Amino acid sequence: MAEEFAGIGHTVMGCGRTEKAVAELRNSLPTEHDFTTLDVTDDPAVKAWAEKVVSRFGAPDLLLNNAALINRNARLWEVPAEVFSRMIDVNIKGVTNVIRHFAPAMVARRSGVIVNFSSGWGRSTDAEVAPYCATKWAIEGLTQALAQELPEGMAAVPLNPGIIDTDMLRSCFGGSASSYPSPAEWAKRAVPFLLKIGSKDNGRQLTVE
């Protein structure tokens, strides 16, 4: 997504947990873009990063929350407590931390779109991924409640990105994940879709087709 947005003239700011991956992205795009190594579960670190971004670039026009973990396929009672807790921390609290520190500048400007990545498993369920389903159902409810709190002119939407051939999908689907679009292929469809989201969509459950 970062490369697609940058390629059509948008300035992109982002964060990720893996220093190597962030460095590669930073080196692949011009210096007007900004990428930081950051764990979104660290609220003080998210606050400092948001302050830096808003100070340099202003409030974002489009805020994307896509950080998430999934459990290894297992029945709910077999999922270790620490795995469940980490998923809650990343998939729900991490999203909230980012909103907490970017939304005030967007609200003050009374414009901007917040997209919280959900899943097909945020609107349906399946065996052996109960913790993931729980977090994505939470994102659906959190986002629709947030939509009711925003001023006119803004939007918050839960987005089902569809099925993408990622490491996360492979952990669930195994080799059959390769029959789905790669992240690069998906981004070519998703970025134009994301850029069309506006205040008219506030609170709507959207899906990248």
Protein backbone atom coordinates (compact mmCIF):
# COMPACT_ATOMS: atom_id res chain seq x y z
CA MET A 1 0.00 0.00 0.00
CA ALA A 2 2.79 2.43 0.89
CA GLU A 3 4.38 2.02 -2.52
CA GLU A 4 1.03 2.34 -4.31
CA PHE A 5 0.08 5.51 -2.43
CA ALA A 6 3.50 7.04 -2.97
CA GLY A 7 3.45 6.11 -6.65
CA ILE A 8 0.37 8.24 -7.29
CA GLY A 9 1.67 11.26 -5.41
CA HIS A 10 0.55 10.85 -1.82
CA THR A 11 2.86 11.38 1.15
CA VAL A 12 2.97 8.27 3.31
CA MET A 13 3.82 7.94 7.00
CA GLY A 14 3.87 4.54 8.60
CA CYS A 15 5.18 2.33 11.34
CA GLY A 16 6.02 -1.32 11.88
CA ARG A 17 7.62 -3.55 14.49
CA THR A 18 10.43 -4.99 12.37
CA GLU A 19 13.43 -2.69 11.96
CA LYS A 20 14.70 -4.45 8.83
CA ALA A 21 11.37 -4.24 7.02
CA VAL A 22 10.89 -0.60 8.00
CA ALA A 23 14.43 0.24 6.83
CA GLU A 24 13.82 -1.46 3.48
CA LEU A 25 10.62 0.54 2.98
CA ARG A 26 12.33 3.74 4.05
CA ASN A 27 15.13 3.13 1.54
CA SER A 28 12.76 2.24 -1.29
CA LEU A 29 10.82 5.51 -1.20
CA PRO A 30 11.89 9.18 -1.39
CA THR A 31 12.73 11.10 1.77
CA GLU A 32 9.44 13.03 1.84
CA HIS A 33 7.86 9.85 3.20
CA ASP A 34 8.45 8.80 6.80
CA PHE A 35 8.58 5.34 8.39
CA THR A 36 9.28 4.49 12.02
CA THR A 37 9.99 1.29 13.93
CA LEU A 38 7.23 1.15 16.52
CA ASP A 39 5.08 -1.31 18.47
CA VAL A 40 1.53 0.07 18.50
CA THR A 41 0.89 -1.56 21.89
CA ASP A 42 3.34 0.96 23.42
CA ASP A 43 1.01 3.90 24.01
CA PRO A 44 3.69 6.46 25.03
CA ALA A 45 5.71 5.57 21.92
CA VAL A 46 2.62 5.92 19.72
CA LYS A 47 1.93 9.32 21.32
CA ALA A 48 5.48 10.53 20.59
CA TRP A 49 5.30 9.25 17.01
CA ALA A 50 1.91 10.88 16.37
CA GLU A 51 3.14 14.20 17.73
CA LYS A 52 6.15 14.03 15.40
CA VAL A 53 4.03 13.18 12.36
CA VAL A 54 1.36 15.80 13.01
CA SER A 55 3.99 18.45 13.71
CA ARG A 56 5.77 17.74 10.43
CA PHE A 57 2.88 16.85 8.10
CA GLY A 58 -0.32 17.97 9.81
CA ALA A 59 -3.33 15.77 10.53
CA PRO A 60 -3.61 12.78 8.20
CA ASP A 61 -6.26 12.70 5.50
CA LEU A 62 -6.43 8.90 5.68
CA LEU A 63 -5.51 6.94 8.82
CA LEU A 64 -5.12 3.18 8.27
CA ASN A 65 -4.98 0.76 11.20
CA ASN A 66 -3.92 -2.63 9.87
CA ALA A 67 -1.67 -4.08 12.60
CA ALA A 68 -2.88 -7.51 13.71
CA LEU A 69 -1.80 -10.95 14.89
CA ILE A 70 -3.52 -14.31 14.53
CA ASN A 71 -3.27 -17.41 16.68
CA ARG A 72 -1.96 -20.72 15.40
CA ASN A 73 -4.94 -22.88 14.50
CA ALA A 74 -6.22 -24.31 17.79
CA ARG A 75 -9.40 -24.80 19.72
CA LEU A 76 -10.09 -21.86 22.02
CA TRP A 77 -9.22 -23.72 25.23
CA GLU A 78 -5.88 -24.74 23.71
CA VAL A 79 -4.76 -21.16 22.96
CA PRO A 80 -2.23 -20.05 25.61
CA ALA A 81 -3.31 -17.12 27.77
CA GLU A 82 -0.28 -15.07 26.75
CA VAL A 83 -1.12 -15.54 23.05
CA PHE A 84 -4.70 -14.41 23.60
CA SER A 85 -3.54 -11.40 25.62
CA ARG A 86 -1.00 -10.35 22.99
CA MET A 87 -3.68 -10.48 20.30
CA ILE A 88 -5.96 -8.27 22.37
CA ASP A 89 -3.07 -5.86 22.91
CA VAL A 90 -2.18 -5.58 19.21
CA ASN A 91 -5.49 -6.07 17.44
CA ILE A 92 -7.67 -3.90 19.70
CA LYS A 93 -5.54 -1.79 22.03
CA GLY A 94 -2.98 -1.03 19.31
CA VAL A 95 -5.69 0.29 17.01
CA THR A 96 -7.11 2.39 19.83
CA ASN A 97 -3.69 3.81 20.72
CA VAL A 98 -3.20 5.07 17.16
CA ILE A 99 -6.69 6.58 17.06
CA ARG A 100 -6.19 8.18 20.48
CA HIS A 101 -3.19 10.16 19.30
CA PHE A 102 -4.13 11.01 15.70
CA ALA A 103 -7.89 11.59 15.93
CA PRO A 104 -7.73 14.87 17.92
CA ALA A 105 -5.87 16.66 15.11
CA MET A 106 -8.27 15.25 12.54
CA VAL A 107 -11.31 16.23 14.61
CA ALA A 108 -9.93 19.74 15.11
CA ARG A 109 -9.71 20.06 11.33
CA ARG A 110 -13.11 18.35 10.95
CA SER A 111 -11.94 16.21 8.05
CA GLY A 112 -10.29 12.87 7.44
CA VAL A 113 -11.08 9.18 7.19
CA ILE A 114 -10.15 6.48 9.72
CA VAL A 115 -10.06 2.94 8.34
CA ASN A 116 -9.74 0.10 10.82
CA PHE A 117 -8.90 -3.19 9.13
CA SER A 118 -11.34 -5.89 10.08
CA SER A 119 -11.74 -9.25 8.38
CA GLY A 120 -14.26 -11.65 6.96
CA TRP A 121 -13.82 -13.21 10.40
CA GLY A 122 -15.02 -9.95 11.93
CA ARG A 123 -18.44 -10.62 10.40
CA SER A 124 -18.47 -14.42 10.47
CA THR A 125 -16.63 -17.14 12.43
CA ASP A 126 -14.65 -20.30 11.96
CA ALA A 127 -13.20 -23.01 14.16
CA GLU A 128 -9.68 -22.70 15.58
CA VAL A 129 -9.42 -18.93 15.10
CA ALA A 130 -11.76 -17.84 17.89
CA PRO A 131 -9.35 -15.27 19.41
CA TYR A 132 -8.83 -13.62 16.02
CA CYS A 133 -12.58 -13.59 15.37
CA ALA A 134 -13.13 -12.01 18.78
CA THR A 135 -10.68 -9.18 18.07
CA LYS A 136 -12.07 -8.45 14.63
CA TRP A 137 -15.67 -8.47 15.84
CA ALA A 138 -14.44 -5.97 18.44
CA ILE A 139 -12.99 -3.79 15.69
CA GLU A 140 -16.34 -3.78 13.91
CA GLY A 141 -18.16 -2.56 17.02
CA LEU A 142 -15.43 -0.14 18.09
CA THR A 143 -15.36 1.48 14.66
CA GLN A 144 -19.10 1.86 14.31
CA ALA A 145 -19.27 3.45 17.76
CA LEU A 146 -16.39 5.75 16.83
CA ALA A 147 -18.30 6.77 13.71
CA GLN A 148 -21.09 8.09 15.91
CA GLU A 149 -18.62 10.27 17.82
CA LEU A 150 -16.99 12.02 14.86
CA PRO A 151 -18.06 15.44 13.61
CA GLU A 152 -19.79 15.88 10.28
CA GLY A 153 -17.29 15.74 7.45
CA MET A 154 -15.31 12.81 8.84
CA ALA A 155 -15.67 9.04 8.57
CA ALA A 156 -14.64 5.91 10.42
CA VAL A 157 -15.16 2.57 8.68
CA PRO A 158 -14.36 -1.08 9.42
CA LEU A 159 -12.80 -2.60 6.31
CA ASN A 160 -12.75 -6.25 5.31
CA PRO A 161 -9.73 -6.34 2.99
CA GLY A 162 -10.72 -9.68 1.47
CA ILE A 163 -8.43 -12.72 1.28
CA ILE A 164 -4.75 -12.00 0.57
CA ASP A 165 -1.78 -14.36 0.27
CA THR A 166 0.16 -13.25 3.35
CA ASP A 167 2.18 -15.02 6.03
CA MET A 168 -0.85 -14.68 8.29
CA LEU A 169 -3.12 -16.42 5.79
CA ARG A 170 -0.57 -19.19 5.24
CA SER A 171 -0.59 -19.90 8.96
CA CYS A 172 -4.30 -20.78 8.61
CA PHE A 173 -4.70 -21.97 5.01
CA GLY A 174 -1.30 -23.55 4.37
CA GLY A 175 -0.34 -23.91 0.71
CA SER A 176 -3.82 -23.04 -0.54
CA ALA A 177 -3.12 -19.40 0.39
CA SER A 178 -1.17 -19.08 -2.87
CA SER A 179 -4.41 -19.17 -4.85
CA TYR A 180 -5.29 -15.70 -3.53
CA PRO A 181 -3.85 -12.31 -4.63
CA SER A 182 -0.42 -11.28 -3.40
CA PRO A 183 -0.19 -8.10 -1.27
CA ALA A 184 1.14 -6.18 -4.29
CA GLU A 185 -1.70 -7.36 -6.52
CA TRP A 186 -4.25 -6.60 -3.81
CA ALA A 187 -2.86 -3.10 -3.21
CA LYS A 188 -3.48 -2.11 -6.81
CA ARG A 189 -7.21 -2.65 -6.19
CA ALA A 190 -7.31 -1.54 -2.59
CA VAL A 191 -5.59 1.85 -2.82
CA PRO A 192 -8.08 3.37 -5.32
CA PHE A 193 -10.88 1.89 -3.21
CA LEU A 194 -9.50 3.48 -0.04
CA LEU A 195 -9.11 6.88 -1.68
CA LYS A 196 -12.81 6.93 -2.59
CA ILE A 197 -13.96 6.55 1.03
CA GLY A 198 -15.50 9.76 2.35
CA SER A 199 -17.88 11.18 4.92
CA LYS A 200 -20.81 9.54 3.11
CA ASP A 201 -19.41 6.19 4.21
CA ASN A 202 -19.18 6.97 7.92
CA GLY A 203 -19.96 3.84 9.94
CA ARG A 204 -20.45 1.58 6.92
CA GLN A 205 -19.02 -1.93 6.82
CA LEU A 206 -16.90 -1.93 3.68
CA THR A 207 -15.17 -4.73 1.77
CA VAL A 208 -12.47 -4.47 -0.89
CA GLU A 209 -13.91 -6.32 -3.88
